């Protein structure tokens, strides 16, 4: 798969656009060959992997309320999704991005709320952190006279980091479904997917009433 640069790969903040965050999925789907050594025992693993890169000139928690990121291999399809929601100082503006590829070629990609129809639903407060988590995410983008709809459905939590008052990071697995709507009909594909929520906003539920201590350091 070729690298995917979503437009410029930058989100700008401030009257003079003086702050920015960059994101580049360098390897949206690639071959992985790994050698693991644990307790003196060495094993070799092969499969597919993903690699991206984030950078910027300001701490994300100062300009973002949260983001959802996801990737999936669904049959011959590869999907990468992102949903930025800006800090309330920047009007909680949404910035979604989606890429759909097949057989090593990018079929469709789009960035921005005017080009990506995003929705989240079935929101619950995470039991341990109090962070609101959408158990369903949907992205829809046009592709000529057709369109793709990508849907993530939460099944279980797999990882958590609580940064105290600085935020929380959660990873999930679940089901991903791709619908390809054309004038001739609808084709679908589904599989298991991994996605994440990095959250800096207000918390709800009982967990938000607990005085938290940050587990790891963070950029001020």
N, C-alpha and C. Protein backbone atom coordinates (compact mmCIF):
# COMPACT_ATOMS: atom_id res chain seq x y z
N UNK A 1 0.83 -1.20 0.00
CA UNK A 1 0.00 0.00 0.00
C UNK A 1 0.87 1.25 0.00
N UNK A 2 0.53 2.23 -0.85
CA UNK A 2 1.28 3.49 -0.81
C UNK A 2 0.91 4.30 0.43
N UNK A 3 1.78 5.21 0.87
CA UNK A 3 1.41 6.11 1.97
C UNK A 3 0.18 6.92 1.59
N UNK A 4 -0.59 7.27 2.59
CA UNK A 4 -1.77 8.12 2.37
C UNK A 4 -1.58 9.42 3.13
N UNK A 5 -1.58 10.53 2.40
CA UNK A 5 -1.54 11.84 3.05
C UNK A 5 -2.94 12.45 2.93
N UNK A 6 -3.65 12.58 4.04
CA UNK A 6 -4.98 13.18 4.00
C UNK A 6 -4.90 14.70 3.77
N UNK A 7 -5.10 15.12 2.52
CA UNK A 7 -4.89 16.51 2.12
C UNK A 7 -3.46 16.92 2.49
N UNK A 8 -3.28 17.99 3.28
CA UNK A 8 -1.92 18.38 3.68
C UNK A 8 -1.40 17.55 4.85
N UNK A 9 -2.30 16.85 5.53
CA UNK A 9 -1.90 16.10 6.72
C UNK A 9 -1.83 16.95 7.97
N UNK A 10 -2.28 18.21 7.91
CA UNK A 10 -2.20 19.12 9.05
C UNK A 10 -3.59 19.64 9.43
N UNK A 11 -3.80 19.80 10.73
CA UNK A 11 -4.96 20.53 11.25
C UNK A 11 -4.42 21.76 11.97
N UNK A 12 -4.93 22.94 11.59
CA UNK A 12 -4.43 24.21 12.13
C UNK A 12 -5.43 24.81 13.12
N UNK A 13 -4.89 25.51 14.12
CA UNK A 13 -5.70 26.10 15.18
C UNK A 13 -5.20 27.51 15.46
N UNK A 14 -6.12 28.41 15.85
CA UNK A 14 -5.76 29.77 16.19
C UNK A 14 -6.11 30.75 15.09
N UNK A 15 -6.26 32.01 15.48
CA UNK A 15 -6.63 33.05 14.53
C UNK A 15 -5.63 33.14 13.39
N UNK A 16 -4.36 33.01 13.71
CA UNK A 16 -3.30 33.07 12.71
C UNK A 16 -2.85 31.66 12.27
N UNK A 17 -3.64 30.65 12.66
CA UNK A 17 -3.26 29.26 12.40
C UNK A 17 -1.84 28.97 12.90
N UNK A 18 -1.58 29.50 14.10
CA UNK A 18 -0.23 29.41 14.65
C UNK A 18 0.07 28.05 15.28
N UNK A 19 -0.96 27.26 15.56
CA UNK A 19 -0.77 25.93 16.13
C UNK A 19 -1.20 24.87 15.12
N UNK A 20 -0.53 23.74 15.15
CA UNK A 20 -0.91 22.69 14.22
C UNK A 20 -0.59 21.31 14.79
N UNK A 21 -1.33 20.33 14.28
CA UNK A 21 -1.06 18.92 14.54
C UNK A 21 -1.01 18.22 13.18
N UNK A 22 0.01 17.39 12.98
CA UNK A 22 0.16 16.67 11.73
C UNK A 22 -0.06 15.18 11.92
N UNK A 23 -0.55 14.53 10.87
CA UNK A 23 -0.81 13.08 10.91
C UNK A 23 -0.55 12.50 9.53
N UNK A 24 0.25 11.45 9.46
CA UNK A 24 0.58 10.82 8.19
C UNK A 24 0.59 9.30 8.35
N UNK A 25 -0.38 8.59 7.78
CA UNK A 25 -0.34 7.12 7.76
C UNK A 25 0.68 6.65 6.71
N UNK A 26 1.91 6.49 7.15
CA UNK A 26 3.00 6.13 6.25
C UNK A 26 2.78 4.73 5.67
N UNK A 27 2.35 3.80 6.50
CA UNK A 27 2.07 2.43 6.06
C UNK A 27 0.66 2.09 6.52
N UNK A 28 -0.30 2.23 5.63
CA UNK A 28 -1.68 1.91 6.01
C UNK A 28 -1.92 0.40 6.03
N UNK A 29 -1.12 -0.32 5.26
CA UNK A 29 -1.15 -1.79 5.32
C UNK A 29 0.16 -2.29 4.74
N UNK A 30 0.92 -3.00 5.55
CA UNK A 30 2.23 -3.48 5.09
C UNK A 30 2.56 -4.84 5.66
N UNK A 31 3.57 -5.46 5.12
CA UNK A 31 4.02 -6.77 5.59
C UNK A 31 4.90 -6.61 6.82
N UNK A 32 4.70 -7.46 7.80
CA UNK A 32 5.47 -7.44 9.04
C UNK A 32 6.18 -8.77 9.21
N UNK A 33 7.48 -8.71 9.49
CA UNK A 33 8.28 -9.89 9.81
C UNK A 33 9.00 -9.58 11.11
N UNK A 34 8.60 -10.23 12.19
CA UNK A 34 9.12 -9.89 13.51
C UNK A 34 9.77 -11.10 14.17
N UNK A 35 10.85 -10.81 14.92
CA UNK A 35 11.50 -11.83 15.73
C UNK A 35 11.34 -11.42 17.20
N UNK A 36 10.69 -12.26 17.98
CA UNK A 36 10.40 -11.97 19.39
C UNK A 36 11.19 -12.91 20.29
N UNK A 37 11.84 -12.35 21.31
CA UNK A 37 12.55 -13.16 22.29
C UNK A 37 11.99 -12.85 23.67
N UNK A 38 11.41 -13.86 24.31
CA UNK A 38 10.81 -13.73 25.62
C UNK A 38 11.33 -14.86 26.51
N UNK A 39 11.95 -14.47 27.63
CA UNK A 39 12.50 -15.46 28.57
C UNK A 39 13.44 -16.44 27.87
N UNK A 40 14.25 -15.90 26.97
CA UNK A 40 15.23 -16.73 26.28
C UNK A 40 14.69 -17.55 25.13
N UNK A 41 13.40 -17.47 24.89
CA UNK A 41 12.79 -18.23 23.79
C UNK A 41 12.50 -17.30 22.63
N UNK A 42 12.96 -17.65 21.46
CA UNK A 42 12.80 -16.80 20.28
C UNK A 42 11.78 -17.39 19.32
N UNK A 43 10.87 -16.55 18.86
CA UNK A 43 9.86 -16.95 17.90
C UNK A 43 9.80 -15.93 16.77
N UNK A 44 9.39 -16.38 15.62
CA UNK A 44 9.25 -15.50 14.46
C UNK A 44 7.77 -15.40 14.11
N UNK A 45 7.33 -14.17 13.85
CA UNK A 45 5.94 -13.93 13.50
C UNK A 45 5.87 -13.13 12.20
N UNK A 46 4.92 -13.47 11.37
CA UNK A 46 4.70 -12.75 10.11
C UNK A 46 3.23 -12.37 10.02
N UNK A 47 2.96 -11.24 9.39
CA UNK A 47 1.57 -10.82 9.24
C UNK A 47 1.49 -9.47 8.56
N UNK A 48 0.43 -8.74 8.83
CA UNK A 48 0.26 -7.40 8.27
C UNK A 48 0.27 -6.39 9.41
N UNK A 49 0.70 -5.17 9.11
CA UNK A 49 0.80 -4.15 10.15
C UNK A 49 0.47 -2.77 9.61
N UNK A 50 0.54 -1.79 10.52
CA UNK A 50 0.19 -0.40 10.24
C UNK A 50 1.19 0.49 10.96
N UNK A 51 1.52 1.62 10.33
CA UNK A 51 2.41 2.59 10.99
C UNK A 51 2.01 3.99 10.55
N UNK A 52 1.83 4.88 11.52
CA UNK A 52 1.60 6.29 11.20
C UNK A 52 2.49 7.16 12.06
N UNK A 53 2.41 8.46 11.83
CA UNK A 53 3.27 9.41 12.55
C UNK A 53 2.47 10.66 12.87
N UNK A 54 2.56 11.11 14.13
CA UNK A 54 1.95 12.36 14.57
C UNK A 54 3.04 13.35 14.95
N UNK A 55 2.81 14.62 14.67
CA UNK A 55 3.74 15.66 15.11
C UNK A 55 2.97 16.97 15.22
N UNK A 56 3.61 17.99 15.77
CA UNK A 56 2.96 19.28 15.90
C UNK A 56 3.78 20.22 16.76
N UNK A 57 3.24 21.43 16.97
CA UNK A 57 3.95 22.41 17.78
C UNK A 57 3.17 22.79 19.03
N UNK A 58 2.20 21.93 19.40
CA UNK A 58 1.42 22.17 20.61
C UNK A 58 0.91 20.83 21.13
N UNK A 59 0.76 20.72 22.44
CA UNK A 59 0.23 19.49 23.03
C UNK A 59 -1.20 19.26 22.55
N UNK A 60 -1.53 18.06 22.09
CA UNK A 60 -2.88 17.79 21.57
C UNK A 60 -4.00 18.17 22.53
N UNK A 61 -3.79 17.97 23.84
CA UNK A 61 -4.86 18.25 24.79
C UNK A 61 -5.23 19.73 24.87
N UNK A 62 -4.35 20.60 24.33
CA UNK A 62 -4.65 22.02 24.36
C UNK A 62 -5.51 22.47 23.19
N UNK A 63 -5.63 21.63 22.18
CA UNK A 63 -6.41 22.02 21.00
C UNK A 63 -7.49 21.00 20.63
N UNK A 64 -7.45 19.81 21.24
CA UNK A 64 -8.42 18.78 20.91
C UNK A 64 -9.25 18.40 22.13
N UNK A 65 -10.51 18.08 21.88
CA UNK A 65 -11.36 17.46 22.89
C UNK A 65 -11.11 15.95 22.89
N UNK A 66 -11.07 15.36 21.69
CA UNK A 66 -10.79 13.93 21.57
C UNK A 66 -10.54 13.57 20.11
N UNK A 67 -10.03 12.36 19.92
CA UNK A 67 -10.01 11.81 18.57
C UNK A 67 -10.31 10.32 18.62
N UNK A 68 -10.95 9.86 17.55
CA UNK A 68 -11.11 8.44 17.28
C UNK A 68 -10.23 8.09 16.08
N UNK A 69 -9.45 7.04 16.21
CA UNK A 69 -8.65 6.53 15.09
C UNK A 69 -8.98 5.06 14.92
N UNK A 70 -8.99 4.58 13.68
CA UNK A 70 -9.23 3.17 13.44
C UNK A 70 -8.58 2.69 12.16
N UNK A 71 -8.31 1.40 12.10
CA UNK A 71 -7.83 0.78 10.87
C UNK A 71 -8.39 -0.63 10.82
N UNK A 72 -8.53 -1.14 9.61
CA UNK A 72 -9.07 -2.49 9.46
C UNK A 72 -8.64 -3.08 8.13
N UNK A 73 -8.44 -4.36 8.15
CA UNK A 73 -8.28 -5.15 6.93
C UNK A 73 -9.54 -5.98 6.79
N UNK A 74 -10.28 -5.71 5.73
CA UNK A 74 -11.58 -6.36 5.54
C UNK A 74 -11.56 -7.03 4.16
N UNK A 75 -11.20 -8.29 4.13
CA UNK A 75 -11.05 -8.96 2.85
C UNK A 75 -9.95 -8.29 2.05
N UNK A 76 -10.28 -7.87 0.83
CA UNK A 76 -9.32 -7.16 -0.02
C UNK A 76 -9.26 -5.67 0.28
N UNK A 77 -10.14 -5.19 1.17
CA UNK A 77 -10.19 -3.77 1.51
C UNK A 77 -9.25 -3.44 2.67
N UNK A 78 -8.71 -2.23 2.63
CA UNK A 78 -8.01 -1.64 3.76
C UNK A 78 -8.68 -0.31 4.07
N UNK A 79 -8.96 -0.08 5.34
CA UNK A 79 -9.64 1.13 5.77
C UNK A 79 -8.83 1.82 6.86
N UNK A 80 -8.69 3.14 6.76
CA UNK A 80 -8.11 3.95 7.82
C UNK A 80 -9.07 5.11 8.08
N UNK A 81 -9.37 5.35 9.34
CA UNK A 81 -10.32 6.42 9.70
C UNK A 81 -9.75 7.27 10.82
N UNK A 82 -10.16 8.53 10.84
CA UNK A 82 -9.80 9.45 11.92
C UNK A 82 -10.92 10.45 12.12
N UNK A 83 -11.19 10.77 13.37
CA UNK A 83 -12.16 11.81 13.69
C UNK A 83 -11.59 12.69 14.78
N UNK A 84 -11.13 13.90 14.40
CA UNK A 84 -10.72 14.92 15.35
C UNK A 84 -11.95 15.71 15.79
N UNK A 85 -12.05 16.01 17.07
CA UNK A 85 -13.00 17.00 17.57
C UNK A 85 -12.20 18.03 18.35
N UNK A 86 -12.26 19.29 17.95
CA UNK A 86 -11.40 20.30 18.56
C UNK A 86 -11.86 20.67 19.97
N UNK A 87 -10.97 21.28 20.71
CA UNK A 87 -11.23 21.79 22.05
C UNK A 87 -12.36 22.83 21.98
N UNK A 88 -13.07 22.99 23.12
CA UNK A 88 -14.19 23.95 23.10
C UNK A 88 -13.73 25.37 22.78
N UNK A 89 -12.45 25.67 23.04
CA UNK A 89 -11.92 26.99 22.67
C UNK A 89 -11.94 27.18 21.16
N UNK A 90 -11.99 26.05 20.44
CA UNK A 90 -12.04 26.09 18.97
C UNK A 90 -13.36 25.53 18.46
N UNK A 91 -14.42 25.72 19.27
CA UNK A 91 -15.81 25.45 18.86
C UNK A 91 -16.14 23.98 18.67
N UNK A 92 -15.36 23.08 19.26
CA UNK A 92 -15.64 21.64 19.13
C UNK A 92 -15.85 21.23 17.67
N UNK A 93 -15.08 21.82 16.79
CA UNK A 93 -15.23 21.57 15.36
C UNK A 93 -14.80 20.15 15.01
N UNK A 94 -15.60 19.46 14.16
CA UNK A 94 -15.22 18.11 13.74
C UNK A 94 -14.30 18.13 12.52
N UNK A 95 -13.38 17.20 12.47
CA UNK A 95 -12.51 17.03 11.31
C UNK A 95 -12.33 15.53 11.06
N UNK A 96 -13.26 14.92 10.32
CA UNK A 96 -13.13 13.49 10.01
C UNK A 96 -12.28 13.26 8.77
N UNK A 97 -11.71 12.06 8.67
CA UNK A 97 -10.92 11.66 7.50
C UNK A 97 -11.07 10.16 7.30
N UNK A 98 -11.16 9.75 6.04
CA UNK A 98 -11.37 8.33 5.71
C UNK A 98 -10.57 7.98 4.46
N UNK A 99 -9.99 6.80 4.47
CA UNK A 99 -9.39 6.22 3.27
C UNK A 99 -9.89 4.80 3.10
N UNK A 100 -10.28 4.46 1.87
CA UNK A 100 -10.66 3.09 1.53
C UNK A 100 -9.79 2.65 0.36
N UNK A 101 -9.09 1.53 0.52
CA UNK A 101 -8.23 1.00 -0.53
C UNK A 101 -8.60 -0.45 -0.80
N UNK A 102 -8.21 -0.91 -2.00
CA UNK A 102 -8.46 -2.31 -2.36
C UNK A 102 -7.36 -2.77 -3.30
N UNK A 103 -6.85 -3.96 -3.02
CA UNK A 103 -5.81 -4.56 -3.86
C UNK A 103 -4.61 -3.63 -4.03
N UNK A 104 -4.25 -2.92 -2.97
CA UNK A 104 -3.05 -2.10 -3.00
C UNK A 104 -3.21 -0.72 -3.59
N UNK A 105 -4.43 -0.34 -3.98
CA UNK A 105 -4.67 0.98 -4.58
C UNK A 105 -5.75 1.72 -3.79
N UNK A 106 -5.56 3.01 -3.59
CA UNK A 106 -6.55 3.83 -2.88
C UNK A 106 -7.73 4.09 -3.80
N UNK A 107 -8.91 3.67 -3.37
CA UNK A 107 -10.12 3.88 -4.15
C UNK A 107 -10.77 5.22 -3.85
N UNK A 108 -10.82 5.56 -2.58
CA UNK A 108 -11.51 6.79 -2.18
C UNK A 108 -10.89 7.31 -0.90
N UNK A 109 -10.78 8.62 -0.79
CA UNK A 109 -10.33 9.25 0.45
C UNK A 109 -10.94 10.64 0.52
N UNK A 110 -11.17 11.09 1.73
CA UNK A 110 -11.78 12.41 1.93
C UNK A 110 -11.43 12.91 3.32
N UNK A 111 -11.38 14.24 3.44
CA UNK A 111 -11.09 14.90 4.70
C UNK A 111 -12.06 16.05 4.89
N UNK A 112 -12.59 16.22 6.10
CA UNK A 112 -13.44 17.36 6.40
C UNK A 112 -14.90 16.99 6.51
N UNK A 113 -15.61 17.73 7.38
CA UNK A 113 -17.02 17.44 7.63
C UNK A 113 -17.90 17.66 6.41
N UNK A 114 -17.44 18.50 5.46
CA UNK A 114 -18.23 18.73 4.26
C UNK A 114 -18.09 17.58 3.26
N UNK A 115 -17.12 16.70 3.46
CA UNK A 115 -16.92 15.59 2.54
C UNK A 115 -17.08 14.22 3.18
N UNK A 116 -17.02 14.18 4.50
CA UNK A 116 -17.19 12.93 5.24
C UNK A 116 -18.38 13.07 6.17
N UNK A 117 -19.33 12.18 6.01
CA UNK A 117 -20.50 12.16 6.89
C UNK A 117 -20.18 11.23 8.06
N UNK A 118 -19.97 11.80 9.25
CA UNK A 118 -19.59 11.02 10.42
C UNK A 118 -20.71 11.06 11.44
N UNK A 119 -20.93 9.93 12.11
CA UNK A 119 -21.88 9.89 13.22
C UNK A 119 -21.38 8.91 14.28
N UNK A 120 -21.73 9.19 15.52
CA UNK A 120 -21.43 8.29 16.63
C UNK A 120 -22.71 8.07 17.42
N UNK A 121 -22.86 6.87 17.99
CA UNK A 121 -24.10 6.55 18.70
C UNK A 121 -23.81 5.52 19.79
N UNK A 122 -24.87 5.20 20.55
CA UNK A 122 -24.77 4.25 21.67
C UNK A 122 -23.64 4.66 22.63
N UNK A 123 -23.65 5.91 23.05
CA UNK A 123 -22.59 6.45 23.91
C UNK A 123 -22.81 6.02 25.36
N UNK A 124 -21.77 5.46 25.97
CA UNK A 124 -21.82 5.07 27.38
C UNK A 124 -20.57 5.62 28.07
N UNK A 125 -20.64 5.81 29.37
CA UNK A 125 -19.48 6.24 30.14
C UNK A 125 -18.62 5.02 30.49
N UNK A 126 -17.35 5.11 30.14
CA UNK A 126 -16.43 4.03 30.44
C UNK A 126 -16.37 3.81 31.95
N UNK A 127 -16.50 2.56 32.38
CA UNK A 127 -16.66 2.25 33.80
C UNK A 127 -15.49 2.70 34.65
N UNK A 128 -14.26 2.61 34.12
CA UNK A 128 -13.08 2.90 34.93
C UNK A 128 -12.61 4.34 34.84
N UNK A 129 -12.86 5.00 33.72
CA UNK A 129 -12.34 6.36 33.54
C UNK A 129 -13.44 7.42 33.52
N UNK A 130 -14.68 7.03 33.28
CA UNK A 130 -15.75 8.00 33.15
C UNK A 130 -15.79 8.68 31.79
N UNK A 131 -14.93 8.27 30.88
CA UNK A 131 -14.88 8.87 29.54
C UNK A 131 -16.07 8.40 28.72
N UNK A 132 -16.76 9.30 28.03
CA UNK A 132 -17.86 8.87 27.16
C UNK A 132 -17.33 8.16 25.92
N UNK A 133 -17.81 6.95 25.68
CA UNK A 133 -17.35 6.13 24.57
C UNK A 133 -18.52 5.80 23.65
N UNK A 134 -18.37 6.11 22.37
CA UNK A 134 -19.39 5.74 21.39
C UNK A 134 -19.16 4.29 20.99
N UNK A 135 -20.17 3.47 21.16
CA UNK A 135 -20.03 2.06 20.83
C UNK A 135 -20.28 1.79 19.35
N UNK A 136 -20.71 2.80 18.63
CA UNK A 136 -20.82 2.68 17.17
C UNK A 136 -20.30 3.96 16.53
N UNK A 137 -19.44 3.80 15.52
CA UNK A 137 -18.92 4.90 14.72
C UNK A 137 -19.24 4.60 13.26
N UNK A 138 -19.69 5.63 12.53
CA UNK A 138 -19.99 5.45 11.11
C UNK A 138 -19.38 6.59 10.29
N UNK A 139 -18.76 6.22 9.18
CA UNK A 139 -18.17 7.18 8.24
C UNK A 139 -18.75 6.88 6.86
N UNK A 140 -19.09 7.94 6.13
CA UNK A 140 -19.61 7.76 4.77
C UNK A 140 -18.94 8.76 3.84
N UNK A 141 -18.43 8.28 2.71
CA UNK A 141 -17.79 9.16 1.73
C UNK A 141 -18.26 8.79 0.33
N UNK A 142 -18.29 9.80 -0.53
CA UNK A 142 -18.68 9.59 -1.92
C UNK A 142 -17.52 9.04 -2.73
N UNK A 143 -17.87 8.28 -3.77
CA UNK A 143 -16.88 7.73 -4.70
C UNK A 143 -17.51 7.77 -6.09
N UNK A 144 -17.37 8.90 -6.78
CA UNK A 144 -18.05 9.09 -8.05
C UNK A 144 -19.55 9.10 -7.84
N UNK A 145 -20.27 8.26 -8.58
CA UNK A 145 -21.71 8.16 -8.38
C UNK A 145 -22.06 7.07 -7.36
N UNK A 146 -21.04 6.63 -6.62
CA UNK A 146 -21.23 5.62 -5.59
C UNK A 146 -20.79 6.17 -4.24
N UNK A 147 -20.85 5.34 -3.21
CA UNK A 147 -20.39 5.77 -1.89
C UNK A 147 -19.97 4.57 -1.06
N UNK A 148 -19.07 4.84 -0.12
CA UNK A 148 -18.65 3.85 0.87
C UNK A 148 -19.21 4.25 2.23
N UNK A 149 -19.67 3.25 2.97
CA UNK A 149 -20.05 3.46 4.38
C UNK A 149 -19.25 2.46 5.21
N UNK A 150 -18.55 2.99 6.22
CA UNK A 150 -17.72 2.16 7.11
C UNK A 150 -18.28 2.28 8.52
N UNK A 151 -18.54 1.15 9.14
CA UNK A 151 -19.19 1.14 10.46
C UNK A 151 -18.37 0.28 11.42
N UNK A 152 -18.05 0.85 12.60
CA UNK A 152 -17.36 0.14 13.67
C UNK A 152 -18.35 -0.11 14.81
N UNK A 153 -18.43 -1.36 15.28
CA UNK A 153 -19.28 -1.72 16.41
C UNK A 153 -18.43 -2.32 17.53
N UNK A 154 -18.44 -1.66 18.68
CA UNK A 154 -17.63 -2.05 19.83
C UNK A 154 -18.05 -3.42 20.35
N UNK A 155 -17.04 -4.25 20.65
CA UNK A 155 -17.29 -5.53 21.29
C UNK A 155 -16.63 -5.61 22.66
N UNK A 156 -15.35 -5.16 22.75
CA UNK A 156 -14.69 -5.20 24.06
C UNK A 156 -13.55 -4.19 24.13
N UNK A 157 -13.19 -3.80 25.35
CA UNK A 157 -12.02 -2.96 25.60
C UNK A 157 -10.79 -3.85 25.67
N UNK A 158 -9.67 -3.37 25.12
CA UNK A 158 -8.45 -4.18 25.15
C UNK A 158 -7.28 -3.47 25.80
N UNK A 159 -7.38 -2.15 26.00
CA UNK A 159 -6.25 -1.42 26.56
C UNK A 159 -6.74 -0.11 27.13
N UNK A 160 -6.10 0.35 28.24
CA UNK A 160 -6.49 1.60 28.85
C UNK A 160 -5.29 2.27 29.50
N UNK A 161 -5.16 3.57 29.31
CA UNK A 161 -4.24 4.41 30.07
C UNK A 161 -5.02 5.60 30.58
N UNK A 162 -4.98 5.82 31.89
CA UNK A 162 -5.66 6.97 32.49
C UNK A 162 -4.59 7.99 32.85
N UNK A 163 -4.66 9.19 32.25
CA UNK A 163 -3.69 10.25 32.50
C UNK A 163 -4.15 11.21 33.58
N UNK A 164 -5.13 10.80 34.38
CA UNK A 164 -5.65 11.69 35.40
C UNK A 164 -6.37 12.86 34.76
N UNK A 165 -6.10 14.07 35.27
CA UNK A 165 -6.80 15.24 34.73
C UNK A 165 -6.36 15.58 33.31
N UNK A 166 -5.30 14.94 32.83
CA UNK A 166 -4.80 15.23 31.47
C UNK A 166 -5.56 14.46 30.40
N UNK A 167 -6.32 13.42 30.77
CA UNK A 167 -7.07 12.69 29.77
C UNK A 167 -6.98 11.19 29.94
N UNK A 168 -7.38 10.47 28.90
CA UNK A 168 -7.36 9.01 28.93
C UNK A 168 -7.23 8.48 27.51
N UNK A 169 -6.67 7.27 27.42
CA UNK A 169 -6.48 6.61 26.13
C UNK A 169 -7.07 5.20 26.22
N UNK A 170 -7.94 4.87 25.27
CA UNK A 170 -8.62 3.58 25.28
C UNK A 170 -8.49 2.93 23.90
N UNK A 171 -8.33 1.61 23.90
CA UNK A 171 -8.37 0.86 22.65
C UNK A 171 -9.45 -0.22 22.72
N UNK A 172 -10.05 -0.48 21.56
CA UNK A 172 -11.18 -1.40 21.48
C UNK A 172 -10.99 -2.37 20.30
N UNK A 173 -11.67 -3.50 20.40
CA UNK A 173 -11.85 -4.36 19.24
C UNK A 173 -13.34 -4.58 19.06
N UNK A 174 -13.68 -4.94 17.84
CA UNK A 174 -15.09 -5.15 17.52
C UNK A 174 -15.24 -5.48 16.05
N UNK A 175 -16.43 -5.25 15.55
CA UNK A 175 -16.75 -5.58 14.17
C UNK A 175 -16.70 -4.34 13.30
N UNK A 176 -16.15 -4.51 12.11
CA UNK A 176 -16.16 -3.44 11.11
C UNK A 176 -16.91 -3.96 9.89
N UNK A 177 -17.72 -3.11 9.32
CA UNK A 177 -18.51 -3.46 8.15
C UNK A 177 -18.33 -2.38 7.09
N UNK A 178 -18.04 -2.79 5.86
CA UNK A 178 -17.92 -1.87 4.73
C UNK A 178 -19.07 -2.11 3.78
N UNK A 179 -19.79 -1.07 3.44
CA UNK A 179 -20.83 -1.14 2.42
C UNK A 179 -20.39 -0.29 1.23
N UNK A 180 -20.48 -0.86 0.04
CA UNK A 180 -20.15 -0.14 -1.19
C UNK A 180 -21.43 -0.01 -2.00
N UNK A 181 -21.98 1.20 -2.01
CA UNK A 181 -23.24 1.47 -2.69
C UNK A 181 -22.96 1.97 -4.10
N UNK A 182 -23.48 1.27 -5.10
CA UNK A 182 -23.34 1.67 -6.49
C UNK A 182 -24.73 1.71 -7.13
N UNK A 183 -24.84 2.28 -8.32
CA UNK A 183 -26.14 2.26 -9.00
C UNK A 183 -26.67 0.84 -9.25
N UNK A 184 -25.77 -0.15 -9.23
CA UNK A 184 -26.18 -1.53 -9.49
C UNK A 184 -26.54 -2.30 -8.23
N UNK A 185 -26.30 -1.70 -7.05
CA UNK A 185 -26.63 -2.40 -5.82
C UNK A 185 -25.62 -2.13 -4.72
N UNK A 186 -25.65 -2.96 -3.69
CA UNK A 186 -24.80 -2.79 -2.51
C UNK A 186 -24.01 -4.07 -2.28
N UNK A 187 -22.69 -3.94 -2.13
CA UNK A 187 -21.86 -5.07 -1.73
C UNK A 187 -21.31 -4.78 -0.33
N UNK A 188 -21.10 -5.83 0.45
CA UNK A 188 -20.65 -5.65 1.83
C UNK A 188 -19.49 -6.59 2.13
N UNK A 189 -18.70 -6.19 3.12
CA UNK A 189 -17.62 -7.02 3.65
C UNK A 189 -17.48 -6.70 5.12
N UNK A 190 -17.11 -7.67 5.92
CA UNK A 190 -16.99 -7.44 7.36
C UNK A 190 -15.85 -8.27 7.94
N UNK A 191 -15.34 -7.82 9.08
CA UNK A 191 -14.25 -8.50 9.76
C UNK A 191 -14.11 -7.90 11.15
N UNK A 192 -13.03 -8.27 11.85
CA UNK A 192 -12.72 -7.70 13.17
C UNK A 192 -11.79 -6.51 12.98
N UNK A 193 -11.90 -5.51 13.84
CA UNK A 193 -11.09 -4.30 13.71
C UNK A 193 -10.59 -3.83 15.07
N UNK A 194 -9.59 -2.96 15.01
CA UNK A 194 -9.01 -2.32 16.19
C UNK A 194 -9.14 -0.81 16.02
N UNK A 195 -9.58 -0.11 17.05
CA UNK A 195 -9.62 1.35 17.00
C UNK A 195 -9.40 1.93 18.38
N UNK A 196 -9.23 3.26 18.45
CA UNK A 196 -8.86 3.90 19.70
C UNK A 196 -9.62 5.20 19.92
N UNK A 197 -9.62 5.61 21.16
CA UNK A 197 -10.13 6.91 21.58
C UNK A 197 -9.09 7.57 22.47
N UNK A 198 -8.62 8.75 22.06
CA UNK A 198 -7.77 9.59 22.91
C UNK A 198 -8.63 10.76 23.35
N UNK A 199 -8.83 10.90 24.66
CA UNK A 199 -9.86 11.81 25.16
C UNK A 199 -9.28 12.79 26.17
N UNK A 200 -9.57 14.08 25.96
CA UNK A 200 -9.11 15.13 26.87
C UNK A 200 -10.25 15.95 27.48
N UNK A 201 -11.49 15.68 27.08
CA UNK A 201 -12.62 16.52 27.47
C UNK A 201 -13.17 16.20 28.85
N UNK A 202 -14.38 16.71 29.11
CA UNK A 202 -15.05 16.47 30.38
C UNK A 202 -15.47 15.02 30.49
N UNK A 203 -15.48 14.53 31.72
CA UNK A 203 -15.88 13.15 31.96
C UNK A 203 -17.24 13.10 32.61
N UNK A 204 -17.91 11.97 32.44
CA UNK A 204 -19.22 11.77 33.07
C UNK A 204 -19.20 10.52 33.90
N UNK A 205 -20.28 10.28 34.65
CA UNK A 205 -20.39 9.06 35.43
C UNK A 205 -19.59 9.12 36.72
N UNK A 206 -19.70 8.06 37.53
CA UNK A 206 -19.04 8.02 38.84
C UNK A 206 -17.54 8.22 38.77
N UNK A 207 -16.89 7.72 37.69
CA UNK A 207 -15.43 7.80 37.65
C UNK A 207 -14.93 9.25 37.63
N UNK A 208 -15.76 10.18 37.14
CA UNK A 208 -15.33 11.57 37.06
C UNK A 208 -15.27 12.22 38.43
N UNK A 209 -15.89 11.60 39.43
CA UNK A 209 -15.91 12.16 40.78
C UNK A 209 -14.69 11.73 41.59
N UNK A 210 -13.86 10.85 41.02
CA UNK A 210 -12.70 10.35 41.74
C UNK A 210 -11.50 11.25 41.47
N UNK A 211 -10.78 11.62 42.51
CA UNK A 211 -9.56 12.40 42.34
C UNK A 211 -8.49 11.48 41.77
N UNK A 212 -8.03 11.77 40.54
CA UNK A 212 -7.14 10.85 39.87
C UNK A 212 -5.71 11.33 39.90
N UNK A 213 -4.81 10.36 39.91
CA UNK A 213 -3.38 10.64 39.81
C UNK A 213 -2.90 10.15 38.45
N UNK A 214 -2.20 10.99 37.73
CA UNK A 214 -1.71 10.63 36.40
C UNK A 214 -0.76 9.42 36.51
N UNK A 215 -0.94 8.44 35.62
CA UNK A 215 -0.10 7.25 35.64
C UNK A 215 1.19 7.44 34.88
N UNK A 216 1.18 8.31 33.87
CA UNK A 216 2.40 8.57 33.13
C UNK A 216 2.51 10.07 32.90
N UNK A 217 3.70 10.52 32.49
CA UNK A 217 3.88 11.93 32.23
C UNK A 217 3.21 12.35 30.95
N UNK A 218 3.03 13.65 30.78
CA UNK A 218 2.43 14.17 29.56
C UNK A 218 3.01 15.55 29.31
N UNK A 219 2.93 15.97 28.07
CA UNK A 219 3.42 17.29 27.71
C UNK A 219 2.51 18.35 28.25
N UNK A 220 3.07 19.35 28.91
CA UNK A 220 2.26 20.41 29.51
C UNK A 220 1.78 21.38 28.44
